[in-house]
Structures are given as structure tokens and as C-alpha cells.
């Protein structure tokens, strides 16, 4: 399976620009089975979302994801700041399957209290695993990466790859370099980690978007130049299965659900 990760320079609160930019990067990158965008890719990390969040239904960013996925017969993944009809907000990670026409979403569970995300957003309490072209993807968002129990492969929560979309700043870049590899090794899975570049009101971002294989090797990585980039890698699921069967660490793991529905 071919995946392309869009390491974008997000223009603050300018959804129209960010949609155009994402469309241009997709168009210039060639075909892929799955395209992955960063966290809150259409607005930037909106910790105070009242003026810039998208409505949950028929918003321009989601409509673009759905139309592009249909046109290219691919899947597109990425998170948006979303306002529900009841006035509450979610950091919602969408996975849009353009082949089946199905859209699923995961609401970020671990809200970033250090940045006051928890003051405005409601956390999700369900793990979301989506199967696409025979590959099972666990959807996660940014801060979730720090909590291995939430990310854990276990009975009833089996997956082949983790998609983690992020706005991870350069001030904590050392953690970004380590944690995706740790999650890949402990779950014997691929980790598809899409980060942004550029600046917002509070932070600077240098990217280092990456794809990690099930033994912790970096399959592909963007550099830390702070430039936009489309990073492409192939997931070898046959090799993943072979490695799991040969050295089955997962069979000896603890069976737990982290207190929430699998």
C-alpha cells in the first residue's frame, strides 16, 4: 500500500488557502492509496475555536476531502476543528474512503491541557479502527502519542498501522523523534506520522514527518528544514504479518481496554 503524507505550512485560520494548498500538493504528488494531512490542517491548532472551527456538517474542508477521495479513488485522513450543532467542539480526525464513499471519524481522546485545548473541546472516548484495502488503521491525534495504553494493540483492538496526525512543535521535537518509533515497536505495526511546518501564534514547527516500520526502522522521513513536503512510502503488509508470526511479541501482551470501548 502506498501512502503519501502532506507536511504542510498551515496558514492561520485561513481554510480557503489551506484547502487550495492541500489540493495543489496532492495534485503534484502522483497517485497514492492513502493521503495523510496534519492535525487541524485547515486552520492551525485552534485552542480557542469559536471563530474559526468548521461546522460538523457540509464544511468546506471535509467536502474537499470527500470530493478528492472520490475523484482519485483513494482515502484521505486528517483532523479538523469541528463545531457540533449543540455548540460544543471536537478535534475530529476523519478518514474518508473515496472508493466506498464512507467517512469515519475519531475524536481526539487526550486533549492537550498544557495548551488549554481541554477548556474548549470535548474528548472522544472510543478507539476507532478503520479497514481500507485490507489494512487496519488505528486513528490517533497528536498528544495521544504520549499515552501507550491508549495506543495499544490488544484483543478486540487489532490493527496493522497507526495514523497519527499532529501539530508537534520544534521545542518538543526530541519526543516526536522517539515516540512514533516506540509505538511501532511495541505494537509491531507501521506508524504513519504526519506533522506540520511553519508557525502559528505560539509555536514553530519543523515537521520531520515520518513512516516507521514494525521493528522501529524509519522507512521514510522528511527533513527538519521546515519546508513543505510530500513524503511517500510503501507499507508491506505481507512482511508485517511474517514478522508478527516469526516473533510474536503481541501474543504475550496484556489484554486491557484502557477503560474505554475498543
Protein backbone atom coordinates (compact mmCIF):
# COMPACT_ATOMS: atom_id res chain seq x y z
CA UNK A 1 0.00 0.00 0.00
CA UNK A 2 1.30 3.43 -0.99
CA UNK A 3 0.84 6.30 1.48
CA UNK A 4 1.62 9.97 0.93
CA UNK A 5 1.97 12.33 3.90
CA UNK A 6 1.45 16.05 3.34
CA UNK A 7 3.77 18.10 5.54
CA UNK A 8 2.02 21.44 5.10
CA UNK A 9 2.73 25.00 6.20
CA UNK A 10 -0.68 25.86 7.64
CA UNK A 11 -1.82 29.46 7.29
CA UNK A 12 -3.54 30.50 10.49
CA UNK A 13 -7.37 30.50 10.35
CA UNK A 14 -7.39 30.61 6.54
CA UNK A 15 -9.26 27.48 5.49
CA UNK A 16 -9.66 28.62 1.89
CA UNK A 17 -5.89 28.98 1.45
CA UNK A 18 -5.09 25.73 3.27
CA UNK A 19 -7.57 23.77 1.15
CA UNK A 20 -6.09 25.19 -2.05
CA UNK A 21 -2.60 24.37 -0.82
CA UNK A 22 -3.51 20.80 0.09
CA UNK A 23 -5.16 20.35 -3.30
CA UNK A 24 -2.03 21.60 -5.06
CA UNK A 25 0.23 19.25 -3.09
CA UNK A 26 -2.00 16.25 -3.77
CA UNK A 27 -2.18 17.09 -7.48
CA UNK A 28 1.61 17.36 -7.75
CA UNK A 29 2.42 14.22 -5.77
CA UNK A 30 1.19 11.45 -8.02
CA UNK A 31 -1.19 8.68 -7.07
CA UNK A 32 -1.39 7.05 -3.64
CA UNK A 33 -3.75 4.74 -1.81
CA UNK A 34 -3.89 6.99 1.27
CA UNK A 35 -3.07 10.68 1.74
CA UNK A 36 -2.49 11.95 5.29
CA UNK A 37 -2.75 15.59 6.39
CA UNK A 38 -1.65 17.06 9.74
CA UNK A 39 -3.79 17.88 12.77
CA UNK A 40 -6.27 20.75 12.20
CA UNK A 41 -4.79 21.08 8.74
CA UNK A 42 -7.30 23.68 7.54
CA UNK A 43 -6.96 26.21 10.38
CA UNK A 44 -3.92 25.56 12.52
CA UNK A 45 -4.12 24.34 16.12
CA UNK A 46 -7.18 26.32 17.23
CA UNK A 47 -7.24 26.13 21.03
CA UNK A 48 -9.86 28.90 21.02
CA UNK A 49 -12.03 27.63 18.16
CA UNK A 50 -15.17 29.78 18.39
CA UNK A 51 -14.42 31.97 15.38
CA UNK A 52 -12.56 29.54 13.14
CA UNK A 53 -13.86 25.98 13.71
CA UNK A 54 -15.83 24.30 10.93
CA UNK A 55 -19.44 23.27 11.37
CA UNK A 56 -19.70 19.50 11.59
CA UNK A 57 -21.90 19.18 8.51
CA UNK A 58 -21.07 20.31 4.98
CA UNK A 59 -17.93 22.25 5.83
CA UNK A 60 -15.57 23.15 3.01
CA UNK A 61 -12.56 21.23 4.28
CA UNK A 62 -14.42 17.95 4.74
CA UNK A 63 -16.22 18.37 1.44
CA UNK A 64 -12.84 18.81 -0.27
CA UNK A 65 -11.53 15.64 1.40
CA UNK A 66 -14.60 13.69 0.26
CA UNK A 67 -14.58 15.01 -3.31
CA UNK A 68 -10.84 14.49 -3.74
CA UNK A 69 -11.02 10.96 -2.35
CA UNK A 70 -13.83 10.12 -4.77
CA UNK A 71 -12.07 11.67 -7.75
CA UNK A 72 -8.78 9.92 -7.03
CA UNK A 73 -10.33 6.69 -5.71
CA UNK A 74 -8.19 6.88 -2.61
CA UNK A 75 -8.51 7.56 1.11
CA UNK A 76 -7.70 10.85 2.85
CA UNK A 77 -7.01 11.23 6.57
CA UNK A 78 -6.57 14.36 8.70
CA UNK A 79 -8.11 16.27 11.58
CA UNK A 80 -10.30 19.38 11.68
CA UNK A 81 -11.52 21.71 14.40
CA UNK A 82 -15.26 20.99 14.44
CA UNK A 83 -18.28 22.73 15.98
CA UNK A 84 -21.25 20.45 16.66
CA UNK A 85 -24.87 21.64 16.41
CA UNK A 86 -25.04 21.83 20.23
CA UNK A 87 -22.20 24.40 20.20
CA UNK A 88 -19.50 22.08 21.57
CA UNK A 89 -16.19 21.44 19.81
CA UNK A 90 -14.24 18.35 18.78
CA UNK A 91 -10.75 17.82 17.41
CA UNK A 92 -12.05 15.35 14.85
CA UNK A 93 -9.76 13.07 12.85
CA UNK A 94 -11.54 12.00 9.65
CA UNK A 95 -10.75 9.01 7.45
CA UNK A 96 -12.50 9.41 4.10
CA UNK A 97 -12.76 6.34 1.86
CA UNK A 98 -13.35 7.59 -1.67
CA UNK A 99 -13.92 4.10 -3.03
CA UNK A 100 -16.82 3.13 -0.76
CA UNK A 101 -18.00 6.68 -0.07
CA UNK A 102 -17.75 6.02 3.66
CA UNK A 103 -16.39 8.60 6.11
CA UNK A 104 -15.49 7.67 9.68
CA UNK A 105 -14.00 9.84 12.41
CA UNK A 106 -12.13 9.68 15.69
CA UNK A 107 -12.46 12.43 18.29
CA UNK A 108 -9.14 13.12 20.00
CA UNK A 109 -9.12 11.50 23.43
CA UNK A 110 -6.11 13.13 25.10
CA UNK A 111 -6.69 16.87 24.91
CA UNK A 112 -3.57 19.00 25.31
CA UNK A 113 -4.19 20.65 28.69
CA UNK A 114 -0.80 22.42 28.60
CA UNK A 115 -2.13 24.37 25.62
CA UNK A 116 -5.66 24.66 27.12
CA UNK A 117 -7.23 22.51 24.44
CA UNK A 118 -9.27 20.82 27.19
CA UNK A 119 -11.02 24.10 28.03
CA UNK A 120 -12.79 24.27 24.69
CA UNK A 121 -13.00 20.74 23.28
CA UNK A 122 -14.84 17.63 24.39
CA UNK A 123 -12.69 14.46 24.36
CA UNK A 124 -13.64 11.34 22.49
CA UNK A 125 -13.84 8.08 24.43
CA UNK A 126 -13.80 5.45 21.68
CA UNK A 127 -10.94 3.91 19.77
CA UNK A 128 -11.51 3.97 16.02
CA UNK A 129 -10.01 1.39 13.70
CA UNK A 130 -10.86 1.58 10.02
CA UNK A 131 -10.09 -1.12 7.45
CA UNK A 132 -9.13 0.06 3.98
CA UNK A 133 -7.94 -2.21 1.17
CA UNK A 134 -7.20 -4.94 3.67
CA UNK A 135 -5.17 -2.76 6.05
CA UNK A 136 -6.46 -1.92 9.54
CA UNK A 137 -5.63 1.64 10.65
CA UNK A 138 -5.87 2.96 14.22
CA UNK A 139 -6.62 6.69 14.13
CA UNK A 140 -4.83 8.90 16.66
CA UNK A 141 -4.16 12.62 17.06
CA UNK A 142 -1.00 14.34 18.29
CA UNK A 143 -0.93 14.25 22.14
CA UNK A 144 -2.39 10.71 22.08
CA UNK A 145 1.08 9.59 21.03
CA UNK A 146 2.38 10.09 24.59
CA UNK A 147 -0.03 7.53 26.08
CA UNK A 148 0.95 3.97 25.12
CA UNK A 149 -2.02 2.33 26.85
CA UNK A 150 -4.41 4.20 24.56
CA UNK A 151 -2.35 3.22 21.51
CA UNK A 152 -2.00 -0.43 22.46
CA UNK A 153 -2.77 -3.40 20.21
CA UNK A 154 -4.83 -5.93 22.17
CA UNK A 155 -7.61 -8.47 21.75
CA UNK A 156 -10.59 -6.69 20.22
CA UNK A 157 -8.37 -3.82 19.15
CA UNK A 158 -6.17 -5.27 16.43
CA UNK A 159 -4.56 -3.09 13.76
CA UNK A 160 -1.73 -3.07 11.22
CA UNK A 161 -0.85 0.62 11.20
CA UNK A 162 -1.32 3.76 13.28
CA UNK A 163 -2.08 7.07 11.59
CA UNK A 164 -1.03 9.90 13.88
CA UNK A 165 -1.75 13.46 12.69
CA UNK A 166 -0.05 16.24 14.61
CA UNK A 167 0.90 19.84 15.22
CA UNK A 168 4.08 18.94 17.15
CA UNK A 169 6.36 21.95 17.81
CA UNK A 170 10.12 22.02 17.48
CA UNK A 171 10.50 22.74 21.22
CA UNK A 172 9.48 19.11 21.86
CA UNK A 173 10.96 17.60 18.72
CA UNK A 174 13.07 15.04 20.57
CA UNK A 175 9.86 13.35 21.77
CA UNK A 176 8.49 13.36 18.23
CA UNK A 177 11.61 11.55 17.05
CA UNK A 178 11.28 8.82 19.70
CA UNK A 179 7.57 8.21 20.38
CA UNK A 180 6.44 7.11 16.89
CA UNK A 181 9.24 4.53 16.87
CA UNK A 182 8.26 3.31 20.34
CA UNK A 183 4.61 2.91 19.32
CA UNK A 184 5.69 0.99 16.20
CA UNK A 185 7.97 -1.39 18.12
CA UNK A 186 5.59 -2.18 20.98
CA UNK A 187 2.64 -2.79 18.63
CA UNK A 188 4.64 -4.45 15.83
CA UNK A 189 2.90 -2.12 13.37
CA UNK A 190 3.58 0.66 10.92
CA UNK A 191 3.30 4.21 12.24
CA UNK A 192 2.35 6.94 9.77
CA UNK A 193 3.19 10.23 11.48
CA UNK A 194 2.22 13.48 9.72
CA UNK A 195 3.42 16.75 11.23
CA UNK A 196 3.21 20.33 10.01
CA UNK A 197 5.82 23.03 9.36
CA UNK A 198 5.71 26.82 9.73
CA UNK A 199 4.47 28.95 12.62
CA UNK A 200 1.27 29.74 14.45
CA UNK A 201 0.56 32.25 17.23
CA UNK A 202 2.52 30.25 19.80
CA UNK A 203 4.89 27.74 18.23
CA UNK A 204 7.34 26.96 15.47
CA UNK A 205 7.11 23.64 13.60
CA UNK A 206 9.84 21.87 11.63
CA UNK A 207 7.99 18.74 10.56
CA UNK A 208 10.05 15.55 10.47
CA UNK A 209 7.02 13.72 9.15
CA UNK A 210 7.87 10.01 9.00
CA UNK A 211 6.78 6.45 8.35
CA UNK A 212 8.12 3.82 10.76
CA UNK A 213 8.11 0.06 10.17
CA UNK A 214 7.09 -2.63 12.70
CA UNK A 215 10.60 -3.03 14.13
CA UNK A 216 11.21 0.69 14.53
CA UNK A 217 13.11 1.44 11.34
CA UNK A 218 12.41 4.74 9.62
CA UNK A 219 11.06 3.81 6.18
CA UNK A 220 10.83 7.41 5.01
CA UNK A 221 11.31 10.77 6.69
CA UNK A 222 11.05 14.43 5.79
CA UNK A 223 13.96 16.56 6.89
CA UNK A 224 13.79 19.20 9.60
CA UNK A 225 14.23 22.13 7.22
CA UNK A 226 10.77 23.48 7.96
CA UNK A 227 9.76 23.19 4.32
CA UNK A 228 6.56 21.79 2.87
CA UNK A 229 6.98 18.31 1.51
CA UNK A 230 5.01 15.30 0.31
CA UNK A 231 6.54 12.17 1.79
CA UNK A 232 5.69 8.84 0.17
CA UNK A 233 6.27 5.30 1.46
CA UNK A 234 5.01 1.78 0.87
CA UNK A 235 3.53 -0.42 3.58
CA UNK A 236 4.45 -4.08 3.12
CA UNK A 237 1.66 -5.87 4.96
CA UNK A 238 2.89 -9.32 3.95
CA UNK A 239 6.21 -8.53 5.63
CA UNK A 240 4.39 -7.20 8.70
CA UNK A 241 2.46 -10.47 9.02
CA UNK A 242 5.63 -12.50 8.53
CA UNK A 243 7.44 -10.60 11.28
CA UNK A 244 4.50 -10.90 13.68
CA UNK A 245 4.27 -14.63 13.08
CA UNK A 246 8.01 -15.20 13.46
CA UNK A 247 8.49 -13.10 16.62
CA UNK A 248 5.04 -12.80 18.13
CA UNK A 249 5.51 -10.28 20.93
CA UNK A 250 1.82 -9.35 20.75
CA UNK A 251 0.74 -12.81 21.91
CA UNK A 252 2.46 -12.19 25.25
CA UNK A 253 0.94 -8.74 25.81
CA UNK A 254 -1.58 -7.65 28.41
CA UNK A 255 -5.23 -7.70 27.43
CA UNK A 256 -6.85 -4.47 28.54
CA UNK A 257 -9.05 -1.72 27.13
CA UNK A 258 -7.74 1.37 28.92
CA UNK A 259 -11.14 1.94 30.48
CA UNK A 260 -12.92 2.78 27.21
CA UNK A 261 -14.66 0.90 24.44
CA UNK A 262 -12.31 -0.87 21.99
